[in-house]
Amino acid sequence: MIRVIEGLPETVLGIEAVGRVEASDYETVLDPAVEAHLGRNEKLRLLYVLGEEFEGYAAGAAFEDAKLGIGKWSSWERVAVVTDRDWLHDALRMLGWMFPGDVRAFRLAEREDAVAWLAA
């Protein structure tokens, strides 16, 4: 599931993946949160936390993720992916150039650094 992280700077939208992320999480949580954020901000700065409770993505969730990225292409400014999973850090190093805006990976212990980078 995806849940919204509260208490972040106004310019930062935070989400956390917990357990298994399903396609419905995009429709019921992420899409409305992105729309609300863009109603208040010109650009999207996303904190995406994949902690120890994250189990993976359902097949349909990957499609919804791609659809969201492409649909809001010009709105993306910065994305901070916060996780201790090495394969995600490796994937972002190799494929980060494909994402709109700036994308950086941070460790869980660096979460506050990620928020500061997004808010700067």
PDB file of N, CA and C in Angstrom:
ATOM      1  N   MET A   1       0.837  -1.168   0.000  1.00  0.00           N
ATOM      2  CA  MET A   1       0.000   0.000   0.000  1.00  0.00           C
ATOM      3  C   MET A   1       0.884   1.235   0.000  1.00  0.00           C
ATOM      4  N   ILE A   2       0.317   2.337  -0.450  1.00  0.00           N
ATOM      5  CA  ILE A   2       0.996   3.628  -0.420  1.00  0.00           C
ATOM      6  C   ILE A   2       0.265   4.516   0.572  1.00  0.00           C
ATOM      7  N   ARG A   3       1.035   5.212   1.401  1.00  0.00           N
ATOM      8  CA  ARG A   3       0.413   6.181   2.305  1.00  0.00           C
ATOM      9  C   ARG A   3       1.157   7.506   2.201  1.00  0.00           C
ATOM     10  N   VAL A   4       0.415   8.580   2.415  1.00  0.00           N
ATOM     11  CA  VAL A   4       0.971   9.928   2.346  1.00  0.00           C
ATOM     12  C   VAL A   4       1.683  10.231   3.662  1.00  0.00           C
ATOM     13  N   ILE A   5       2.847  10.865   3.570  1.00  0.00           N
ATOM     14  CA  ILE A   5       3.619  11.274   4.742  1.00  0.00           C
ATOM     15  C   ILE A   5       3.236  12.714   5.079  1.00  0.00           C
ATOM     16  N   GLU A   6       2.806  12.936   6.282  1.00  0.00           N
ATOM     17  CA  GLU A   6       2.398  14.274   6.743  1.00  0.00           C
ATOM     18  C   GLU A   6       3.588  15.001   7.368  1.00  0.00           C
ATOM     19  N   GLY A   7       3.450  16.317   7.529  1.00  0.00           N
ATOM     20  CA  GLY A   7       4.432  17.108   8.252  1.00  0.00           C
ATOM     21  C   GLY A   7       5.663  17.520   7.463  1.00  0.00           C
ATOM     22  N   LEU A   8       5.575  17.488   6.135  1.00  0.00           N
ATOM     23  CA  LEU A   8       6.700  17.881   5.286  1.00  0.00           C
ATOM     24  C   LEU A   8       6.530  19.336   4.858  1.00  0.00           C
ATOM     25  N   PRO A   9       7.599  19.954   4.350  1.00  0.00           N
ATOM     26  CA  PRO A   9       7.448  21.309   3.821  1.00  0.00           C
ATOM     27  C   PRO A   9       6.368  21.350   2.740  1.00  0.00           C
ATOM     28  N   GLU A  10       5.735  22.502   2.573  1.00  0.00           N
ATOM     29  CA  GLU A  10       4.633  22.664   1.625  1.00  0.00           C
ATOM     30  C   GLU A  10       4.997  22.270   0.199  1.00  0.00           C
ATOM     31  N   THR A  11       6.259  22.451  -0.167  1.00  0.00           N
ATOM     32  CA  THR A  11       6.683  22.163  -1.542  1.00  0.00           C
ATOM     33  C   THR A  11       7.019  20.698  -1.785  1.00  0.00           C
ATOM     34  N   VAL A  12       6.917  19.872  -0.755  1.00  0.00           N
ATOM     35  CA  VAL A  12       7.306  18.462  -0.854  1.00  0.00           C
ATOM     36  C   VAL A  12       6.102  17.566  -0.606  1.00  0.00           C
ATOM     37  N   LEU A  13       5.879  16.636  -1.531  1.00  0.00           N
ATOM     38  CA  LEU A  13       4.876  15.595  -1.348  1.00  0.00           C
ATOM     39  C   LEU A  13       5.618  14.333  -0.934  1.00  0.00           C
ATOM     40  N   GLY A  14       5.221  13.742   0.167  1.00  0.00           N
ATOM     41  CA  GLY A  14       5.871  12.525   0.639  1.00  0.00           C
ATOM     42  C   GLY A  14       4.931  11.340   0.620  1.00  0.00           C
ATOM     43  N   ILE A  15       5.446  10.215   0.140  1.00  0.00           N
ATOM     44  CA  ILE A  15       4.695   8.971   0.172  1.00  0.00           C
ATOM     45  C   ILE A  15       5.605   7.859   0.680  1.00  0.00           C
ATOM     46  N   GLU A  16       4.985   6.845   1.253  1.00  0.00           N
ATOM     47  CA  GLU A  16       5.733   5.689   1.743  1.00  0.00           C
ATOM     48  C   GLU A  16       5.059   4.423   1.254  1.00  0.00           C
ATOM     49  N   ALA A  17       5.862   3.518   0.709  1.00  0.00           N
ATOM     50  CA  ALA A  17       5.370   2.217   0.281  1.00  0.00           C
ATOM     51  C   ALA A  17       5.521   1.243   1.443  1.00  0.00           C
ATOM     52  N   VAL A  18       4.419   0.602   1.793  1.00  0.00           N
ATOM     53  CA  VAL A  18       4.402  -0.351   2.897  1.00  0.00           C
ATOM     54  C   VAL A  18       3.738  -1.630   2.399  1.00  0.00           C
ATOM     55  N   GLY A  19       4.368  -2.754   2.661  1.00  0.00           N
ATOM     56  CA  GLY A  19       3.807  -4.011   2.178  1.00  0.00           C
ATOM     57  C   GLY A  19       3.901  -4.077   0.666  1.00  0.00           C
ATOM     58  N   ARG A  20       2.863  -4.586   0.039  1.00  0.00           N
ATOM     59  CA  ARG A  20       2.827  -4.722  -1.423  1.00  0.00           C
ATOM     60  C   ARG A  20       2.057  -3.545  -2.014  1.00  0.00           C
ATOM     61  N   VAL A  21       2.631  -2.896  -3.020  1.00  0.00           N
ATOM     62  CA  VAL A  21       1.984  -1.772  -3.693  1.00  0.00           C
ATOM     63  C   VAL A  21       1.137  -2.315  -4.841  1.00  0.00           C
ATOM     64  N   GLU A  22      -0.137  -1.964  -4.815  1.00  0.00           N
ATOM     65  CA  GLU A  22      -1.098  -2.417  -5.818  1.00  0.00           C
ATOM     66  C   GLU A  22      -1.452  -1.270  -6.761  1.00  0.00           C
ATOM     67  N   ALA A  23      -1.980  -1.591  -7.928  1.00  0.00           N
ATOM     68  CA  ALA A  23      -2.418  -0.570  -8.885  1.00  0.00           C
ATOM     69  C   ALA A  23      -3.455   0.357  -8.261  1.00  0.00           C
ATOM     70  N   SER A  24      -4.318  -0.188  -7.436  1.00  0.00           N
ATOM     71  CA  SER A  24      -5.364   0.626  -6.807  1.00  0.00           C
ATOM     72  C   SER A  24      -4.785   1.703  -5.890  1.00  0.00           C
ATOM     73  N   ASP A  25      -3.577   1.498  -5.365  1.00  0.00           N
ATOM     74  CA  ASP A  25      -2.944   2.510  -4.518  1.00  0.00           C
ATOM     75  C   ASP A  25      -2.684   3.797  -5.291  1.00  0.00           C
ATOM     76  N   TYR A  26      -2.395   3.665  -6.571  1.00  0.00           N
ATOM     77  CA  TYR A  26      -2.177   4.846  -7.401  1.00  0.00           C
ATOM     78  C   TYR A  26      -3.482   5.606  -7.588  1.00  0.00           C
ATOM     79  N   GLU A  27      -4.542   4.877  -7.842  1.00  0.00           N
ATOM     80  CA  GLU A  27      -5.843   5.495  -8.091  1.00  0.00           C
ATOM     81  C   GLU A  27      -6.429   6.136  -6.846  1.00  0.00           C
ATOM     82  N   THR A  28      -6.290   5.493  -5.704  1.00  0.00           N
ATOM     83  CA  THR A  28      -6.957   5.973  -4.494  1.00  0.00           C
ATOM     84  C   THR A  28      -6.093   6.863  -3.608  1.00  0.00           C
ATOM     85  N   VAL A  29      -4.761   6.753  -3.710  1.00  0.00           N
ATOM     86  CA  VAL A  29      -3.883   7.522  -2.831  1.00  0.00           C
ATOM     87  C   VAL A  29      -2.960   8.455  -3.613  1.00  0.00           C
ATOM     88  N   LEU A  30      -2.138   7.902  -4.469  1.00  0.00           N
ATOM     89  CA  LEU A  30      -1.088   8.702  -5.098  1.00  0.00           C
ATOM     90  C   LEU A  30      -1.624   9.715  -6.103  1.00  0.00           C
ATOM     91  N   ASP A  31      -2.470   9.303  -7.024  1.00  0.00           N
ATOM     92  CA  ASP A  31      -2.997  10.244  -8.016  1.00  0.00           C
ATOM     93  C   ASP A  31      -3.695  11.433  -7.353  1.00  0.00           C
ATOM     94  N   PRO A  32      -4.609  11.212  -6.387  1.00  0.00           N
ATOM     95  CA  PRO A  32      -5.245  12.364  -5.733  1.00  0.00           C
ATOM     96  C   PRO A  32      -4.245  13.239  -4.970  1.00  0.00           C
ATOM     97  N   ALA A  33      -3.229  12.625  -4.357  1.00  0.00           N
ATOM     98  CA  ALA A  33      -2.222  13.406  -3.624  1.00  0.00           C
ATOM     99  C   ALA A  33      -1.406  14.273  -4.580  1.00  0.00           C
ATOM    100  N   VAL A  34      -1.043  13.722  -5.738  1.00  0.00           N
ATOM    101  CA  VAL A  34      -0.299  14.485  -6.739  1.00  0.00           C
ATOM    102  C   VAL A  34      -1.150  15.637  -7.256  1.00  0.00           C
ATOM    103  N   GLU A  35      -2.408  15.382  -7.574  1.00  0.00           N
ATOM    104  CA  GLU A  35      -3.298  16.437  -8.068  1.00  0.00           C
ATOM    105  C   GLU A  35      -3.456  17.544  -7.032  1.00  0.00           C
ATOM    106  N   ALA A  36      -3.643  17.181  -5.774  1.00  0.00           N
ATOM    107  CA  ALA A  36      -3.781  18.188  -4.711  1.00  0.00           C
ATOM    108  C   ALA A  36      -2.498  18.995  -4.566  1.00  0.00           C
ATOM    109  N   HIS A  37      -1.360  18.315  -4.630  1.00  0.00           N
ATOM    110  CA  HIS A  37      -0.064  19.001  -4.508  1.00  0.00           C
ATOM    111  C   HIS A  37       0.129  19.988  -5.659  1.00  0.00           C
ATOM    112  N   LEU A  38      -0.185  19.564  -6.871  1.00  0.00           N
ATOM    113  CA  LEU A  38      -0.019  20.449  -8.032  1.00  0.00           C
ATOM    114  C   LEU A  38      -1.053  21.568  -8.044  1.00  0.00           C
ATOM    115  N   GLY A  39      -2.118  21.433  -7.299  1.00  0.00           N
ATOM    116  CA  GLY A  39      -3.064  22.529  -7.131  1.00  0.00           C
ATOM    117  C   GLY A  39      -2.498  23.642  -6.254  1.00  0.00           C
ATOM    118  N   ARG A  40      -1.501  23.298  -5.432  1.00  0.00           N
ATOM    119  CA  ARG A  40      -0.873  24.264  -4.523  1.00  0.00           C
ATOM    120  C   ARG A  40       0.524  24.663  -4.964  1.00  0.00           C
ATOM    121  N   ASN A  41       1.153  23.868  -5.811  1.00  0.00           N
ATOM    122  CA  ASN A  41       2.538  24.079  -6.222  1.00  0.00           C
ATOM    123  C   ASN A  41       2.652  23.929  -7.735  1.00  0.00           C
ATOM    124  N   GLU A  42       3.573  24.674  -8.297  1.00  0.00           N
ATOM    125  CA  GLU A  42       3.777  24.618  -9.744  1.00  0.00           C
ATOM    126  C   GLU A  42       4.488  23.334 -10.173  1.00  0.00           C
ATOM    127  N   LYS A  43       5.406  22.860  -9.331  1.00  0.00           N
ATOM    128  CA  LYS A  43       6.219  21.684  -9.654  1.00  0.00           C
ATOM    129  C   LYS A  43       6.038  20.615  -8.590  1.00  0.00           C
ATOM    130  N   LEU A  44       6.409  19.394  -8.963  1.00  0.00           N
ATOM    131  CA  LEU A  44       6.291  18.254  -8.068  1.00  0.00           C
ATOM    132  C   LEU A  44       7.658  17.863  -7.542  1.00  0.00           C
ATOM    133  N   ARG A  45       7.795  17.884  -6.237  1.00  0.00           N
ATOM    134  CA  ARG A  45       8.994  17.402  -5.544  1.00  0.00           C
ATOM    135  C   ARG A  45       8.526  16.267  -4.644  1.00  0.00           C
ATOM    136  N   LEU A  46       8.966  15.056  -4.962  1.00  0.00           N
ATOM    137  CA  LEU A  46       8.433  13.856  -4.327  1.00  0.00           C
ATOM    138  C   LEU A  46       9.467  13.159  -3.460  1.00  0.00           C
ATOM    139  N   LEU A  47       9.093  12.906  -2.216  1.00  0.00           N
ATOM    140  CA  LEU A  47       9.854  12.051  -1.308  1.00  0.00           C
ATOM    141  C   LEU A  47       9.183  10.682  -1.362  1.00  0.00           C
ATOM    142  N   TYR A  48       9.927   9.673  -1.796  1.00  0.00           N
ATOM    143  CA  TYR A  48       9.365   8.323  -1.923  1.00  0.00           C
ATOM    144  C   TYR A  48      10.166   7.392  -1.030  1.00  0.00           C
ATOM    145  N   VAL A  49       9.564   6.963   0.070  1.00  0.00           N
ATOM    146  CA  VAL A  49      10.224   6.115   1.052  1.00  0.00           C
ATOM    147  C   VAL A  49       9.799   4.668   0.845  1.00  0.00           C
ATOM    148  N   LEU A  50      10.800   3.803   0.671  1.00  0.00           N
ATOM    149  CA  LEU A  50      10.581   2.367   0.570  1.00  0.00           C
ATOM    150  C   LEU A  50      11.366   1.736   1.719  1.00  0.00           C
ATOM    151  N   GLY A  51      10.715   1.612   2.858  1.00  0.00           N
ATOM    152  CA  GLY A  51      11.383   1.138   4.055  1.00  0.00           C
ATOM    153  C   GLY A  51      11.444  -0.366   4.169  1.00  0.00           C
ATOM    154  N   GLU A  52      11.725  -0.820   5.361  1.00  0.00           N
ATOM    155  CA  GLU A  52      11.887  -2.251   5.609  1.00  0.00           C
ATOM    156  C   GLU A  52      10.587  -3.024   5.422  1.00  0.00           C
ATOM    157  N   GLU A  53       9.438  -2.346   5.554  1.00  0.00           N
ATOM    158  CA  GLU A  53       8.142  -3.008   5.412  1.00  0.00           C
ATOM    159  C   GLU A  53       7.709  -3.149   3.955  1.00  0.00           C
ATOM    160  N   PHE A  54       8.440  -2.536   3.019  1.00  0.00           N
ATOM    161  CA  PHE A  54       8.110  -2.611   1.598  1.00  0.00           C
ATOM    162  C   PHE A  54       8.388  -4.017   1.086  1.00  0.00           C
ATOM    163  N   GLU A  55       7.387  -4.622   0.415  1.00  0.00           N
ATOM    164  CA  GLU A  55       7.521  -5.999  -0.087  1.00  0.00           C
ATOM    165  C   GLU A  55       7.641  -6.085  -1.601  1.00  0.00           C
ATOM    166  N   GLY A  56       7.212  -5.054  -2.317  1.00  0.00           N
ATOM    167  CA  GLY A  56       7.297  -5.086  -3.770  1.00  0.00           C
ATOM    168  C   GLY A  56       6.055  -4.530  -4.422  1.00  0.00           C
ATOM    169  N   TYR A  57       6.053  -4.606  -5.758  1.00  0.00           N
ATOM    170  CA  TYR A  57       4.966  -4.076  -6.568  1.00  0.00           C
ATOM    171  C   TYR A  57       4.182  -5.202  -7.220  1.00  0.00           C
ATOM    172  N   ALA A  58       2.874  -5.045  -7.265  1.00  0.00           N
ATOM    173  CA  ALA A  58       2.030  -5.935  -8.054  1.00  0.00           C
ATOM    174  C   ALA A  58       2.229  -5.570  -9.520  1.00  0.00           C
ATOM    175  N   ALA A  59       1.935  -6.483 -10.421  1.00  0.00           N
ATOM    176  CA  ALA A  59       2.171  -6.260 -11.848  1.00  0.00           C
ATOM    177  C   ALA A  59       1.514  -4.984 -12.359  1.00  0.00           C
ATOM    178  N   GLY A  60       0.282  -4.734 -12.015  1.00  0.00           N
ATOM    179  CA  GLY A  60      -0.428  -3.551 -12.496  1.00  0.00           C
ATOM    180  C   GLY A  60       0.104  -2.252 -11.937  1.00  0.00           C
ATOM    181  N   ALA A  61       0.791  -2.310 -10.811  1.00  0.00           N
ATOM    182  CA  ALA A  61       1.315  -1.096 -10.191  1.00  0.00           C
ATOM    183  C   ALA A  61       2.413  -0.474 -11.040  1.00  0.00           C
ATOM    184  N   ALA A  62       3.217  -1.274 -11.698  1.00  0.00           N
ATOM    185  CA  ALA A  62       4.282  -0.743 -12.545  1.00  0.00           C
ATOM    186  C   ALA A  62       3.703   0.064 -13.700  1.00  0.00           C
ATOM    187  N   PHE A  63       2.615  -0.403 -14.276  1.00  0.00           N
ATOM    188  CA  PHE A  63       1.956   0.327 -15.355  1.00  0.00           C
ATOM    189  C   PHE A  63       1.408   1.660 -14.855  1.00  0.00           C
ATOM    190  N   GLU A  64       0.781   1.648 -13.692  1.00  0.00           N
ATOM    191  CA  GLU A  64       0.234   2.879 -13.114  1.00  0.00           C
ATOM    192  C   GLU A  64       1.355   3.876 -12.802  1.00  0.00           C
ATOM    193  N   ASP A  65       2.488   3.365 -12.352  1.00  0.00           N
ATOM    194  CA  ASP A  65       3.640   4.213 -12.061  1.00  0.00           C
ATOM    195  C   ASP A  65       4.121   4.904 -13.335  1.00  0.00           C
ATOM    196  N   ALA A  66       4.257   4.158 -14.393  1.00  0.00           N
ATOM    197  CA  ALA A  66       4.703   4.726 -15.671  1.00  0.00           C
ATOM    198  C   ALA A  66       3.692   5.737 -16.196  1.00  0.00           C
ATOM    199  N   LYS A  67       2.426   5.412 -16.069  1.00  0.00           N
ATOM    200  CA  LYS A  67       1.371   6.299 -16.540  1.00  0.00           C
ATOM    201  C   LYS A  67       1.399   7.637 -15.790  1.00  0.00           C
ATOM    202  N   LEU A  68       1.606   7.587 -14.492  1.00  0.00           N
ATOM    203  CA  LEU A  68       1.683   8.815 -13.685  1.00  0.00           C
ATOM    204  C   LEU A  68       2.876   9.658 -14.112  1.00  0.00           C
ATOM    205  N   GLY A  69       4.027   9.035 -14.293  1.00  0.00           N
ATOM    206  CA  GLY A  69       5.230   9.764 -14.689  1.00  0.00           C
ATOM    207  C   GLY A  69       5.087  10.440 -16.033  1.00  0.00           C
ATOM    208  N   ILE A  70       4.553   9.731 -16.992  1.00  0.00           N
ATOM    209  CA  ILE A  70       4.393  10.278 -18.340  1.00  0.00           C
ATOM    210  C   ILE A  70       3.300  11.347 -18.358  1.00  0.00           C
ATOM    211  N   GLY A  71       2.226  11.111 -17.637  1.00  0.00           N
ATOM    212  CA  GLY A  71       1.107  12.044 -17.626  1.00  0.00           C
ATOM    213  C   GLY A  71       1.437  13.388 -17.018  1.00  0.00           C
ATOM    214  N   LYS A  72       2.399  13.432 -16.144  1.00  0.00           N
ATOM    215  CA  LYS A  72       2.787  14.674 -15.455  1.00  0.00           C
ATOM    216  C   LYS A  72       4.222  15.054 -15.798  1.00  0.00           C
ATOM    217  N   TRP A  73       4.707  14.646 -16.941  1.00  0.00           N
ATOM    218  CA  TRP A  73       6.120  14.766 -17.313  1.00  0.00           C
ATOM    219  C   TRP A  73       6.724  16.131 -17.002  1.00  0.00           C
ATOM    220  N   SER A  74       6.063  17.203 -17.412  1.00  0.00           N
ATOM    221  CA  SER A  74       6.631  18.539 -17.240  1.00  0.00           C
ATOM    222  C   SER A  74       6.513  19.063 -15.806  1.00  0.00           C
ATOM    223  N   SER A  75       5.777  18.379 -14.957  1.00  0.00           N
ATOM    224  CA  SER A  75       5.591  18.821 -13.575  1.00  0.00           C
ATOM    225  C   SER A  75       6.671  18.327 -12.623  1.00  0.00           C
ATOM    226  N   TRP A  76       7.369  17.263 -12.997  1.00  0.00           N
ATOM    227  CA  TRP A  76       8.361  16.670 -12.103  1.00  0.00           C
ATOM    228  C   TRP A  76       9.603  17.566 -12.020  1.00  0.00           C
ATOM    229  N   GLU A  77       9.982  17.921 -10.795  1.00  0.00           N
ATOM    230  CA  GLU A  77      11.186  18.724 -10.600  1.00  0.00           C
ATOM    231  C   GLU A  77      12.277  17.929  -9.889  1.00  0.00           C
ATOM    232  N   ARG A  78      11.918  17.296  -8.767  1.00  0.00           N
ATOM    233  CA  ARG A  78      12.880  16.485  -8.017  1.00  0.00           C
ATOM    234  C   ARG A  78      12.174  15.280  -7.404  1.00  0.00           C
ATOM    235  N   VAL A  79      12.898  14.159  -7.368  1.00  0.00           N
ATOM    236  CA  VAL A  79      12.413  12.957  -6.705  1.00  0.00           C
ATOM    237  C   VAL A  79      13.537  12.416  -5.846  1.00  0.00           C
ATOM    238  N   ALA A  80      13.251  12.203  -4.580  1.00  0.00           N
ATOM    239  CA  ALA A  80      14.204  11.578  -3.665  1.00  0.00           C
ATOM    240  C   ALA A  80      13.648  10.213  -3.279  1.00  0.00           C
ATOM    241  N   VAL A  81      14.351   9.168  -3.649  1.00  0.00           N
ATOM    242  CA  VAL A  81      13.968   7.802  -3.298  1.00  0.00           C
ATOM    243  C   VAL A  81      14.792   7.414  -2.077  1.00  0.00           C
ATOM    244  N   VAL A  82      14.101   7.090  -0.994  1.00  0.00           N
ATOM    245  CA  VAL A  82      14.766   6.784   0.270  1.00  0.00           C
ATOM    246  C   VAL A  82      14.570   5.303   0.579  1.00  0.00           C
ATOM    247  N   THR A  83      15.672   4.562   0.539  1.00  0.00           N
ATOM    248  CA  THR A  83      15.600   3.119   0.768  1.00  0.00           C
ATOM    249  C   THR A  83      16.995   2.578   1.073  1.00  0.00           C
ATOM    250  N   ASP A  84      17.037   1.464   1.729  1.00  0.00           N
ATOM    251  CA  ASP A  84      18.308   0.771   1.964  1.00  0.00           C
ATOM    252  C   ASP A  84      18.481  -0.414   1.020  1.00  0.00           C
ATOM    253  N   ARG A  85      17.588  -0.573   0.086  1.00  0.00           N
ATOM    254  CA  ARG A  85      17.686  -1.684  -0.876  1.00  0.00           C
ATOM    255  C   ARG A  85      18.682  -1.324  -1.966  1.00  0.00           C
ATOM    256  N   ASP A  86      19.776  -2.044  -1.969  1.00  0.00           N
ATOM    257  CA  ASP A  86      20.863  -1.745  -2.902  1.00  0.00           C
ATOM    258  C   ASP A  86      20.424  -1.818  -4.357  1.00  0.00           C
ATOM    259  N   TRP A  87      19.551  -2.753  -4.698  1.00  0.00           N
ATOM    260  CA  TRP A  87      19.136  -2.884  -6.093  1.00  0.00           C
ATOM    261  C   TRP A  87      18.412  -1.643  -6.583  1.00  0.00           C
ATOM    262  N   LEU A  88      17.699  -0.938  -5.692  1.00  0.00           N
ATOM    263  CA  LEU A  88      17.037   0.297  -6.095  1.00  0.00           C
ATOM    264  C   LEU A  88      18.052   1.423  -6.309  1.00  0.00           C
ATOM    265  N   HIS A  89      19.063   1.471  -5.450  1.00  0.00           N
ATOM    266  CA  HIS A  89      20.136   2.462  -5.644  1.00  0.00           C
ATOM    267  C   HIS A  89      20.838   2.204  -6.979  1.00  0.00           C
ATOM    268  N   ASP A  90      21.129   0.941  -7.254  1.00  0.00           N
ATOM    269  CA  ASP A  90      21.787   0.584  -8.518  1.00  0.00           C
ATOM    270  C   ASP A  90      20.912   0.938  -9.715  1.00  0.00           C
ATOM    271  N   ALA A  91      19.629   0.643  -9.626  1.00  0.00           N
ATOM    272  CA  ALA A  91      18.713   0.933 -10.727  1.00  0.00           C
ATOM    273  C   ALA A  91      18.623   2.435 -10.992  1.00  0.00           C
ATOM    274  N   LEU A  92      18.589   3.229  -9.938  1.00  0.00           N
ATOM    275  CA  LEU A  92      18.526   4.676 -10.125  1.00  0.00           C
ATOM    276  C   LEU A  92      19.815   5.227 -10.721  1.00  0.00           C
ATOM    277  N   ARG A  93      20.946   4.648 -10.343  1.00  0.00           N
ATOM    278  CA  ARG A  93      22.219   5.082 -10.944  1.00  0.00           C
ATOM    279  C   ARG A  93      22.237   4.797 -12.444  1.00  0.00           C
ATOM    280  N   MET A  94      21.713   3.651 -12.818  1.00  0.00           N
ATOM    281  CA  MET A  94      21.735   3.261 -14.231  1.00  0.00           C
ATOM    282  C   MET A  94      20.623   3.912 -15.046  1.00  0.00           C
ATOM    283  N   LEU A  95      19.438   4.077 -14.455  1.00  0.00           N
ATOM    284  CA  LEU A  95      18.275   4.506 -15.223  1.00  0.00           C
ATOM    285  C   LEU A  95      17.743   5.883 -14.845  1.00  0.00           C
ATOM    286  N   GLY A  96      18.393   6.536 -13.898  1.00  0.00           N
ATOM    287  CA  GLY A  96      17.913   7.830 -13.427  1.00  0.00           C
ATOM    288  C   GLY A  96      17.785   8.871 -14.517  1.00  0.00           C
ATOM    289  N   TRP A  97      18.598   8.778 -15.537  1.00  0.00           N
ATOM    290  CA  TRP A  97      18.558   9.741 -16.643  1.00  0.00           C
ATOM    291  C   TRP A  97      17.238   9.677 -17.411  1.00  0.00           C
ATOM    292  N   MET A  98      16.508   8.576 -17.264  1.00  0.00           N
ATOM    293  CA  MET A  98      15.236   8.415 -17.980  1.00  0.00           C
ATOM    294  C   MET A  98      14.084   9.150 -17.296  1.00  0.00           C
ATOM    295  N   PHE A  99      14.262   9.522 -16.038  1.00  0.00           N
ATOM    296  CA  PHE A  99      13.201  10.159 -15.280  1.00  0.00           C
ATOM    297  C   PHE A  99      13.164  11.653 -15.566  1.00  0.00           C
ATOM    298  N   PRO A 100      11.972  12.231 -15.553  1.00  0.00           N
ATOM    299  CA  PRO A 100      11.903  13.680 -15.667  1.00  0.00           C
ATOM    300  C   PRO A 100      12.396  14.326 -14.374  1.00  0.00           C
ATOM    301  N   GLY A 101      13.061  15.459 -14.475  1.00  0.00           N
ATOM    302  CA  GLY A 101      13.563  16.134 -13.285  1.00  0.00           C
ATOM    303  C   GLY A 101      14.787  15.450 -12.716  1.00  0.00           C
ATOM    304  N   ASP A 102      15.222  15.932 -11.563  1.00  0.00           N
ATOM    305  CA  ASP A 102      16.373  15.360 -10.873  1.00  0.00           C
ATOM    306  C   ASP A 102      15.928  14.236  -9.956  1.00  0.00           C
ATOM    307  N   VAL A 103      16.653  13.131  -9.988  1.00  0.00           N
ATOM    308  CA  VAL A 103      16.342  11.978  -9.148  1.00  0.00           C
ATOM    309  C   VAL A 103      17.588  11.607  -8.365  1.00  0.00           C
ATOM    310  N   ARG A 104      17.423  11.435  -7.067  1.00  0.00           N
ATOM    311  CA  ARG A 104      18.538  11.011  -6.213  1.00  0.00           C
ATOM    312  C   ARG A 104      18.067   9.921  -5.256  1.00  0.00           C
ATOM    313  N   ALA A 105      18.993   9.038  -4.935  1.00  0.00           N
ATOM    314  CA  ALA A 105      18.716   7.974  -3.968  1.00  0.00           C
ATOM    315  C   ALA A 105      19.396   8.322  -2.648  1.00  0.00           C
ATOM    316  N   PHE A 106      18.703   8.041  -1.563  1.00  0.00           N
ATOM    317  CA  PHE A 106      19.197   8.264  -0.215  1.00  0.00           C
ATOM    318  C   PHE A 106      18.960   6.997   0.607  1.00  0.00           C
ATOM    319  N   ARG A 107      19.765   6.795   1.611  1.00  0.00           N
ATOM    320  CA  ARG A 107      19.566   5.702   2.569  1.00  0.00           C
ATOM    321  C   ARG A 107      18.501   6.120   3.584  1.00  0.00           C
ATOM    322  N   LEU A 108      17.910   5.152   4.266  1.00  0.00           N
ATOM    323  CA  LEU A 108      16.885   5.459   5.263  1.00  0.00           C
ATOM    324  C   LEU A 108      17.405   6.416   6.334  1.00  0.00           C
ATOM    325  N   ALA A 109      18.644   6.266   6.725  1.00  0.00           N
ATOM    326  CA  ALA A 109      19.238   7.146   7.735  1.00  0.00           C
ATOM    327  C   ALA A 109      19.428   8.567   7.216  1.00  0.00           C
ATOM    328  N   GLU A 110      19.315   8.753   5.912  1.00  0.00           N
ATOM    329  CA  GLU A 110      19.502  10.074   5.289  1.00  0.00           C
ATOM    330  C   GLU A 110      18.170  10.726   4.901  1.00  0.00           C
ATOM    331  N   ARG A 111      17.093  10.255   5.481  1.00  0.00           N
ATOM    332  CA  ARG A 111      15.764  10.759   5.119  1.00  0.00           C
ATOM    333  C   ARG A 111      15.660  12.274   5.283  1.00  0.00           C
ATOM    334  N   GLU A 112      16.181  12.823   6.361  1.00  0.00           N
ATOM    335  CA  GLU A 112      16.117  14.274   6.577  1.00  0.00           C
ATOM    336  C   GLU A 112      16.938  15.021   5.528  1.00  0.00           C
ATOM    337  N   ASP A 113      18.053  14.432   5.102  1.00  0.00           N
ATOM    338  CA  ASP A 113      18.845  15.032   4.020  1.00  0.00           C
ATOM    339  C   ASP A 113      18.038  15.054   2.721  1.00  0.00           C
ATOM    340  N   ALA A 114      17.282  13.999   2.478  1.00  0.00           N
ATOM    341  CA  ALA A 114      16.450  13.932   1.279  1.00  0.00           C
ATOM    342  C   ALA A 114      15.385  15.029   1.297  1.00  0.00           C
ATOM    343  N   VAL A 115      14.744  15.221   2.455  1.00  0.00           N
ATOM    344  CA  VAL A 115      13.729  16.272   2.583  1.00  0.00           C
ATOM    345  C   VAL A 115      14.367  17.647   2.370  1.00  0.00           C
ATOM    346  N   ALA A 116      15.542  17.856   2.958  1.00  0.00           N
ATOM    347  CA  ALA A 116      16.225  19.149   2.796  1.00  0.00           C
ATOM    348  C   ALA A 116      16.571  19.401   1.333  1.00  0.00           C
ATOM    349  N   TRP A 117      17.042  18.380   0.627  1.00  0.00           N
ATOM    350  CA  TRP A 117      17.363  18.520  -0.799  1.00  0.00           C
ATOM    351  C   TRP A 117      16.113  18.851  -1.608  1.00  0.00           C
ATOM    352  N   LEU A 118      15.015  18.190  -1.293  1.00  0.00           N
ATOM    353  CA  LEU A 118      13.782  18.455  -2.018  1.00  0.00           C
ATOM    354  C   LEU A 118      13.267  19.866  -1.756  1.00  0.00           C
ATOM    355  N   ALA A 119      13.387  20.320  -0.536  1.00  0.00           N
ATOM    356  CA  ALA A 119      12.839  21.625  -0.150  1.00  0.00           C
ATOM    357  C   ALA A 119      13.718  22.799  -0.584  1.00  0.00           C
ATOM    358  N   ALA A 120      14.994  22.529  -0.901  1.00  0.00           N
ATOM    359  CA  ALA A 120      15.931  23.607  -1.247  1.00  0.00           C
ATOM    360  C   ALA A 120      15.581  24.251  -2.572  1.00  0.00           C
TER     361      ALA A 120
END
